[in-house]
Amino acid sequence: MDNLPAELATDWAIDWQAPWLAQLRELGQQAHALVQGGATVASALQQVAAAHGLLQGWQFVDQQQLPAGQAYEAFIRNQRCIPTRDNLHDFFNGLIWLHWPRLKQQLNVLQAGEIERQGVGAQRGRLRDSVTVLDENGGLLLAPQALCEALREKRWQDLFVRQRDLWAQAQFFPIGHALLEKLVQPRKAITAHVICVPLEQGSSPITSMTAADGWLSEQLLSAACNLANKPYLPIPILGIPGWCHQNQNFSFYDDSLVFRAPRTVQTPQQPVLPERDLA
């Protein structure tokens, strides 16, 4: 991709030292180098997958192999092929497939099953909409109970300032590929929708992305998960300690347009929209 227009080359200037890319860095840099050397995104991802023995039986293919009129999710399920465009969005989607294979397959099964049951209409339905939120903009946060409660109640000063030391015990796993795409050009307002799991409830054995992949994919099959109800908490992601130099100054968290107060009873609830529908 050495002959890319200047504006596209800038878009591909990924900072692999960013903390949210730490778990994706090794494979991501390998695929990124191949793309910069002229490979298509599908080819780069497939080469990295093959070199590391990942996603065996699956294949990244050019977007043009998706037949006109066929649903993307149904094609993936039936063909075990992932249509991939030459852009950052699909590049990060591929990296998530490489790192969260069980979860991505489970999300695909849920999406394809709903399409088979309901067809493709103007409305996705509650389950497909919720799956899309996780797939595009989600994350898994393992944190002490006090942090989970503060996040749920939007007590930002407790979450990020008064209980800041507790973040040393927390671990955040990015999942949403659109979230990662936005973070290539970080902005304070970028918000993730996370499944927050208190460490005190037995999640501490989840110490790696592989373990998190297996655990979360199994949870999605559990009736207790109730994924259709969107069990997500919004978190301005650059508020995480260590993820933005500016948040060392605690006035960072005084911005009420980003760190919003909880809704009052009189304030109508707004639906959580998938990343592609967010303005």
Protein backbone atom coordinates (compact mmCIF):
# COMPACT_ATOMS: atom_id res chain seq x y z
CA MET A 1 0.00 0.00 0.00
CA ASP A 2 2.93 2.31 -0.61
CA ASN A 3 0.92 4.03 -3.35
CA LEU A 4 -1.99 4.92 -1.09
CA PRO A 5 -3.21 8.52 -1.18
CA ALA A 6 -1.67 10.63 1.59
CA GLU A 7 -4.93 10.87 3.55
CA LEU A 8 -5.32 7.07 3.60
CA ALA A 9 -1.68 6.57 4.56
CA THR A 10 -2.29 8.86 7.54
CA ASP A 11 -5.30 6.78 8.56
CA TRP A 12 -3.04 3.72 8.71
CA ALA A 13 -0.56 5.40 11.08
CA ILE A 14 -1.32 3.11 14.02
CA ASP A 15 0.41 3.73 17.35
CA TRP A 16 1.13 0.18 18.45
CA GLN A 17 2.39 1.40 21.82
CA ALA A 18 -1.09 2.61 22.77
CA PRO A 19 -2.28 0.74 25.89
CA TRP A 20 -5.53 -0.45 24.30
CA LEU A 21 -3.48 -2.28 21.65
CA ALA A 22 -1.14 -4.05 24.06
CA GLN A 23 -2.92 -7.40 23.73
CA LEU A 24 -3.14 -7.10 19.93
CA ARG A 25 0.32 -5.68 19.32
CA GLU A 26 2.33 -8.71 18.23
CA LEU A 27 -0.03 -10.03 15.56
CA GLY A 28 -1.28 -6.56 14.72
CA GLN A 29 2.18 -5.26 13.86
CA GLN A 30 2.85 -8.28 11.67
CA ALA A 31 -0.37 -7.80 9.71
CA HIS A 32 0.13 -4.05 9.55
CA ALA A 33 3.61 -4.48 8.07
CA LEU A 34 2.24 -6.78 5.38
CA VAL A 35 -0.46 -4.25 4.47
CA GLN A 36 2.11 -1.46 4.31
CA GLY A 37 4.15 -3.70 2.03
CA GLY A 38 1.30 -3.92 -0.45
CA ALA A 39 -0.78 -6.91 0.72
CA THR A 40 -4.53 -6.66 0.87
CA VAL A 41 -5.99 -6.70 4.36
CA ALA A 42 -7.53 -10.13 3.76
CA SER A 43 -4.21 -11.55 2.55
CA ALA A 44 -2.26 -10.00 5.43
CA LEU A 45 -4.63 -11.38 8.05
CA GLN A 46 -4.64 -14.81 6.40
CA GLN A 47 -0.84 -14.93 6.32
CA VAL A 48 -0.61 -14.06 10.02
CA ALA A 49 -3.31 -16.61 10.88
CA ALA A 50 -1.50 -19.35 8.98
CA ALA A 51 1.90 -18.47 10.48
CA HIS A 52 0.51 -18.85 14.01
CA GLY A 53 -1.88 -21.74 13.41
CA LEU A 54 -4.94 -19.60 14.17
CA LEU A 55 -8.51 -19.87 12.89
CA GLN A 56 -7.85 -23.21 11.24
CA GLY A 57 -10.68 -24.06 8.89
CA TRP A 58 -11.54 -20.38 8.47
CA GLN A 59 -10.34 -17.91 5.88
CA PHE A 60 -10.21 -14.17 5.33
CA VAL A 61 -11.39 -13.40 1.80
CA ASP A 62 -11.86 -10.31 -0.31
CA GLN A 63 -15.19 -8.54 0.14
CA GLN A 64 -16.01 -9.24 -3.50
CA GLN A 65 -16.48 -12.92 -2.66
CA LEU A 66 -19.64 -12.01 -0.71
CA PRO A 67 -22.46 -12.64 -3.20
CA ALA A 68 -24.71 -9.70 -3.89
CA GLY A 69 -27.82 -9.84 -1.74
CA GLN A 70 -26.46 -12.39 0.72
CA ALA A 71 -26.27 -11.41 4.37
CA TYR A 72 -22.72 -10.94 5.62
CA GLU A 73 -23.29 -12.94 8.81
CA ALA A 74 -25.00 -15.82 6.99
CA PHE A 75 -22.16 -16.05 4.47
CA ILE A 76 -19.59 -16.28 7.28
CA ARG A 77 -21.53 -19.03 9.02
CA ASN A 78 -22.13 -21.07 5.88
CA GLN A 79 -18.77 -20.64 4.18
CA ARG A 80 -16.45 -20.13 7.19
CA CYS A 81 -15.04 -17.21 5.22
CA ILE A 82 -14.78 -13.63 6.51
CA PRO A 83 -15.29 -10.99 3.78
CA THR A 84 -12.72 -8.24 4.32
CA ARG A 85 -12.32 -4.79 2.82
CA ASP A 86 -9.08 -2.81 2.58
CA ASN A 87 -9.80 -0.44 5.44
CA LEU A 88 -8.99 -0.02 9.12
CA HIS A 89 -12.45 -1.12 10.20
CA ASP A 90 -12.04 -4.56 8.67
CA PHE A 91 -8.37 -4.73 9.66
CA PHE A 92 -9.30 -4.45 13.33
CA ASN A 93 -12.23 -6.80 12.82
CA GLY A 94 -9.74 -9.37 11.55
CA LEU A 95 -7.46 -8.84 14.54
CA ILE A 96 -10.38 -9.48 16.87
CA TRP A 97 -11.16 -12.69 14.96
CA LEU A 98 -7.55 -13.78 15.52
CA HIS A 99 -7.64 -13.01 19.25
CA TRP A 100 -11.28 -13.81 20.11
CA PRO A 101 -12.09 -16.71 17.76
CA ARG A 102 -14.61 -18.45 20.01
CA LEU A 103 -16.44 -15.25 20.84
CA LYS A 104 -16.57 -14.08 17.23
CA GLN A 105 -17.89 -17.44 16.11
CA GLN A 106 -20.53 -17.37 18.83
CA LEU A 107 -21.60 -13.85 17.91
CA ASN A 108 -21.82 -14.95 14.28
CA VAL A 109 -23.98 -17.94 15.22
CA LEU A 110 -26.35 -15.66 17.13
CA GLN A 111 -26.53 -13.15 14.27
CA ALA A 112 -26.96 -15.76 11.54
CA GLY A 113 -29.57 -17.62 13.60
CA GLU A 114 -31.66 -14.48 14.00
CA ILE A 115 -31.36 -13.70 10.28
CA GLU A 116 -32.52 -17.24 9.46
CA ARG A 117 -35.45 -16.89 11.87
CA GLN A 118 -36.54 -13.33 11.04
CA GLY A 119 -34.88 -12.47 7.76
CA VAL A 120 -33.07 -9.21 7.04
CA GLY A 121 -35.40 -6.29 7.65
CA ALA A 122 -35.25 -2.62 8.45
CA GLN A 123 -35.00 -3.48 12.15
CA ARG A 124 -32.42 -5.97 13.45
CA GLY A 125 -34.36 -6.90 16.54
CA ARG A 126 -33.20 -6.78 20.17
CA LEU A 127 -30.75 -9.68 20.09
CA ARG A 128 -29.04 -8.75 16.83
CA ASP A 129 -28.85 -5.13 17.94
CA SER A 130 -27.21 -6.13 21.22
CA VAL A 131 -24.75 -8.46 19.48
CA THR A 132 -23.80 -5.61 17.16
CA VAL A 133 -23.11 -3.29 20.09
CA LEU A 134 -20.68 -5.80 21.60
CA ASP A 135 -19.10 -6.66 18.26
CA GLU A 136 -18.58 -3.05 17.17
CA ASN A 137 -18.08 -1.09 20.35
CA GLY A 138 -17.80 -3.51 23.27
CA GLY A 139 -15.29 -4.62 25.82
CA LEU A 140 -14.90 -6.84 28.87
CA LEU A 141 -13.95 -5.16 32.13
CA LEU A 142 -12.80 -7.27 35.08
CA ALA A 143 -12.61 -5.02 38.11
CA PRO A 144 -13.04 -4.91 41.88
CA GLN A 145 -16.65 -4.68 43.03
CA ALA A 146 -16.26 -1.06 44.11
CA LEU A 147 -15.23 0.00 40.60
CA CYS A 148 -18.09 -1.93 38.99
CA GLU A 149 -20.60 -0.25 41.29
CA ALA A 150 -19.14 3.19 40.67
CA LEU A 151 -19.28 2.64 36.90
CA ARG A 152 -22.86 1.36 37.06
CA GLU A 153 -23.92 4.44 39.03
CA LYS A 154 -21.77 6.84 36.96
CA ARG A 155 -19.92 8.04 40.04
CA TRP A 156 -16.99 9.19 37.95
CA GLN A 157 -14.98 10.78 40.75
CA ASP A 158 -15.19 7.55 42.75
CA LEU A 159 -14.41 5.44 39.70
CA PHE A 160 -11.40 7.35 38.42
CA VAL A 161 -10.13 9.52 41.27
CA ARG A 162 -11.01 8.42 44.80
CA GLN A 163 -10.63 4.71 44.02
CA ARG A 164 -7.96 5.12 41.36
CA ASP A 165 -5.55 2.70 43.07
CA LEU A 166 -8.04 -0.14 42.52
CA TRP A 167 -7.44 0.06 38.77
CA ALA A 168 -4.16 -1.77 39.38
CA GLN A 169 -6.34 -4.85 40.01
CA ALA A 170 -8.57 -4.30 36.97
CA GLN A 171 -8.18 -5.55 33.43
CA PHE A 172 -9.91 -4.26 30.32
CA PHE A 173 -10.16 -6.30 27.11
CA PRO A 174 -11.23 -4.33 23.99
CA ILE A 175 -13.55 -6.30 21.72
CA GLY A 176 -15.22 -3.81 19.40
CA HIS A 177 -13.35 -3.31 16.16
CA ALA A 178 -15.07 0.03 15.46
CA LEU A 179 -13.92 1.12 18.91
CA LEU A 180 -10.33 0.28 18.00
CA GLU A 181 -10.69 2.06 14.68
CA LYS A 182 -11.80 5.26 16.44
CA LEU A 183 -8.92 5.00 18.90
CA VAL A 184 -6.42 5.32 16.05
CA GLN A 185 -7.20 9.03 16.47
CA PRO A 186 -8.02 9.21 20.20
CA ARG A 187 -10.64 11.68 21.39
CA LYS A 188 -11.80 12.27 24.94
CA ALA A 189 -15.43 11.49 24.14
CA ILE A 190 -14.83 7.97 22.78
CA THR A 191 -17.02 5.63 24.81
CA ALA A 192 -17.05 1.84 24.99
CA HIS A 193 -19.95 -0.35 26.06
CA VAL A 194 -18.57 -2.91 28.48
CA ILE A 195 -19.65 -6.07 30.21
CA CYS A 196 -18.38 -5.40 33.72
CA VAL A 197 -17.56 -8.43 35.87
CA PRO A 198 -16.69 -7.99 39.57
CA LEU A 199 -13.52 -9.85 40.44
CA GLU A 200 -15.02 -10.94 43.74
CA GLN A 201 -17.53 -13.08 41.84
CA GLY A 202 -14.90 -15.57 40.72
CA SER A 203 -13.63 -14.02 37.52
CA SER A 204 -10.06 -13.61 38.75
CA PRO A 205 -8.86 -16.81 36.96
CA ILE A 206 -9.40 -14.92 33.67
CA THR A 207 -5.81 -13.78 33.30
CA SER A 208 -5.38 -13.89 29.52
CA MET A 209 -7.29 -12.97 26.39
CA THR A 210 -7.57 -16.67 25.50
CA ALA A 211 -9.23 -17.40 28.83
CA ALA A 212 -11.45 -14.34 28.44
CA ASP A 213 -12.45 -15.51 24.96
CA GLY A 214 -13.54 -18.91 26.25
CA TRP A 215 -15.30 -17.55 29.31
CA LEU A 216 -17.27 -14.83 27.54
CA SER A 217 -18.30 -17.03 24.61
CA GLU A 218 -19.73 -19.52 27.11
CA GLN A 219 -21.51 -16.76 29.03
CA LEU A 220 -23.33 -15.68 25.89
CA LEU A 221 -25.01 -19.09 25.85
CA SER A 222 -26.16 -18.71 29.44
CA ALA A 223 -29.73 -17.70 30.15
CA ALA A 224 -28.40 -15.53 32.97
CA CYS A 225 -26.54 -13.39 30.45
CA ASN A 226 -29.77 -12.18 28.78
CA LEU A 227 -27.81 -10.56 25.99
CA ALA A 228 -30.94 -9.16 24.34
CA ASN A 229 -31.27 -6.73 27.25
CA LYS A 230 -27.88 -5.17 26.42
CA PRO A 231 -26.02 -5.80 29.67
CA TYR A 232 -23.53 -3.04 28.95
CA LEU A 233 -22.20 -0.07 30.89
CA PRO A 234 -20.85 2.95 28.96
CA ILE A 235 -17.35 4.10 29.93
CA PRO A 236 -15.36 7.01 28.43
CA ILE A 237 -12.38 4.89 27.62
CA LEU A 238 -9.66 7.51 27.87
CA GLY A 239 -10.63 7.97 31.51
CA ILE A 240 -8.96 4.66 32.37
CA PRO A 241 -5.81 5.41 34.40
CA GLY A 242 -2.72 5.08 32.26
CA TRP A 243 -4.65 5.29 29.00
CA CYS A 244 -4.33 9.04 28.54
CA HIS A 245 -1.59 11.30 29.88
CA GLN A 246 -4.04 14.14 30.44
CA ASN A 247 -6.13 12.16 32.93
CA GLN A 248 -3.32 12.41 35.46
CA ASN A 249 -4.75 15.89 36.04
CA PHE A 250 -8.05 15.14 37.74
CA SER A 251 -9.75 18.14 36.15
CA PHE A 252 -9.88 15.84 33.11
CA TYR A 253 -12.94 14.25 34.69
CA ASP A 254 -14.81 17.53 35.24
CA ASP A 255 -16.05 17.59 31.64
CA SER A 256 -19.77 16.94 32.09
CA LEU A 257 -20.29 16.48 28.35
CA VAL A 258 -18.15 13.33 28.52
CA PHE A 259 -18.50 12.16 32.11
CA ARG A 260 -22.24 12.59 32.26
CA ALA A 261 -24.36 12.47 35.37
CA PRO A 262 -26.82 9.58 35.80
CA ARG A 263 -30.16 10.05 34.11
CA THR A 264 -32.94 11.34 36.34
CA VAL A 265 -36.30 9.64 36.54
CA GLN A 266 -37.69 12.33 34.25
CA THR A 267 -35.03 11.74 31.60
CA PRO A 268 -36.15 9.21 28.98
CA GLN A 269 -33.86 6.25 28.43
CA GLN A 270 -32.09 6.31 25.09
CA PRO A 271 -31.42 3.05 23.25
CA VAL A 272 -27.83 1.88 23.02
CA LEU A 273 -27.06 2.06 19.32
CA PRO A 274 -24.49 -0.04 17.51
CA GLU A 275 -21.32 1.82 16.57
CA ARG A 276 -22.23 2.09 12.90
CA ASP A 277 -25.36 4.05 13.89
CA LEU A 278 -23.67 6.42 16.33
CA ALA A 279 -23.35 9.98 15.12
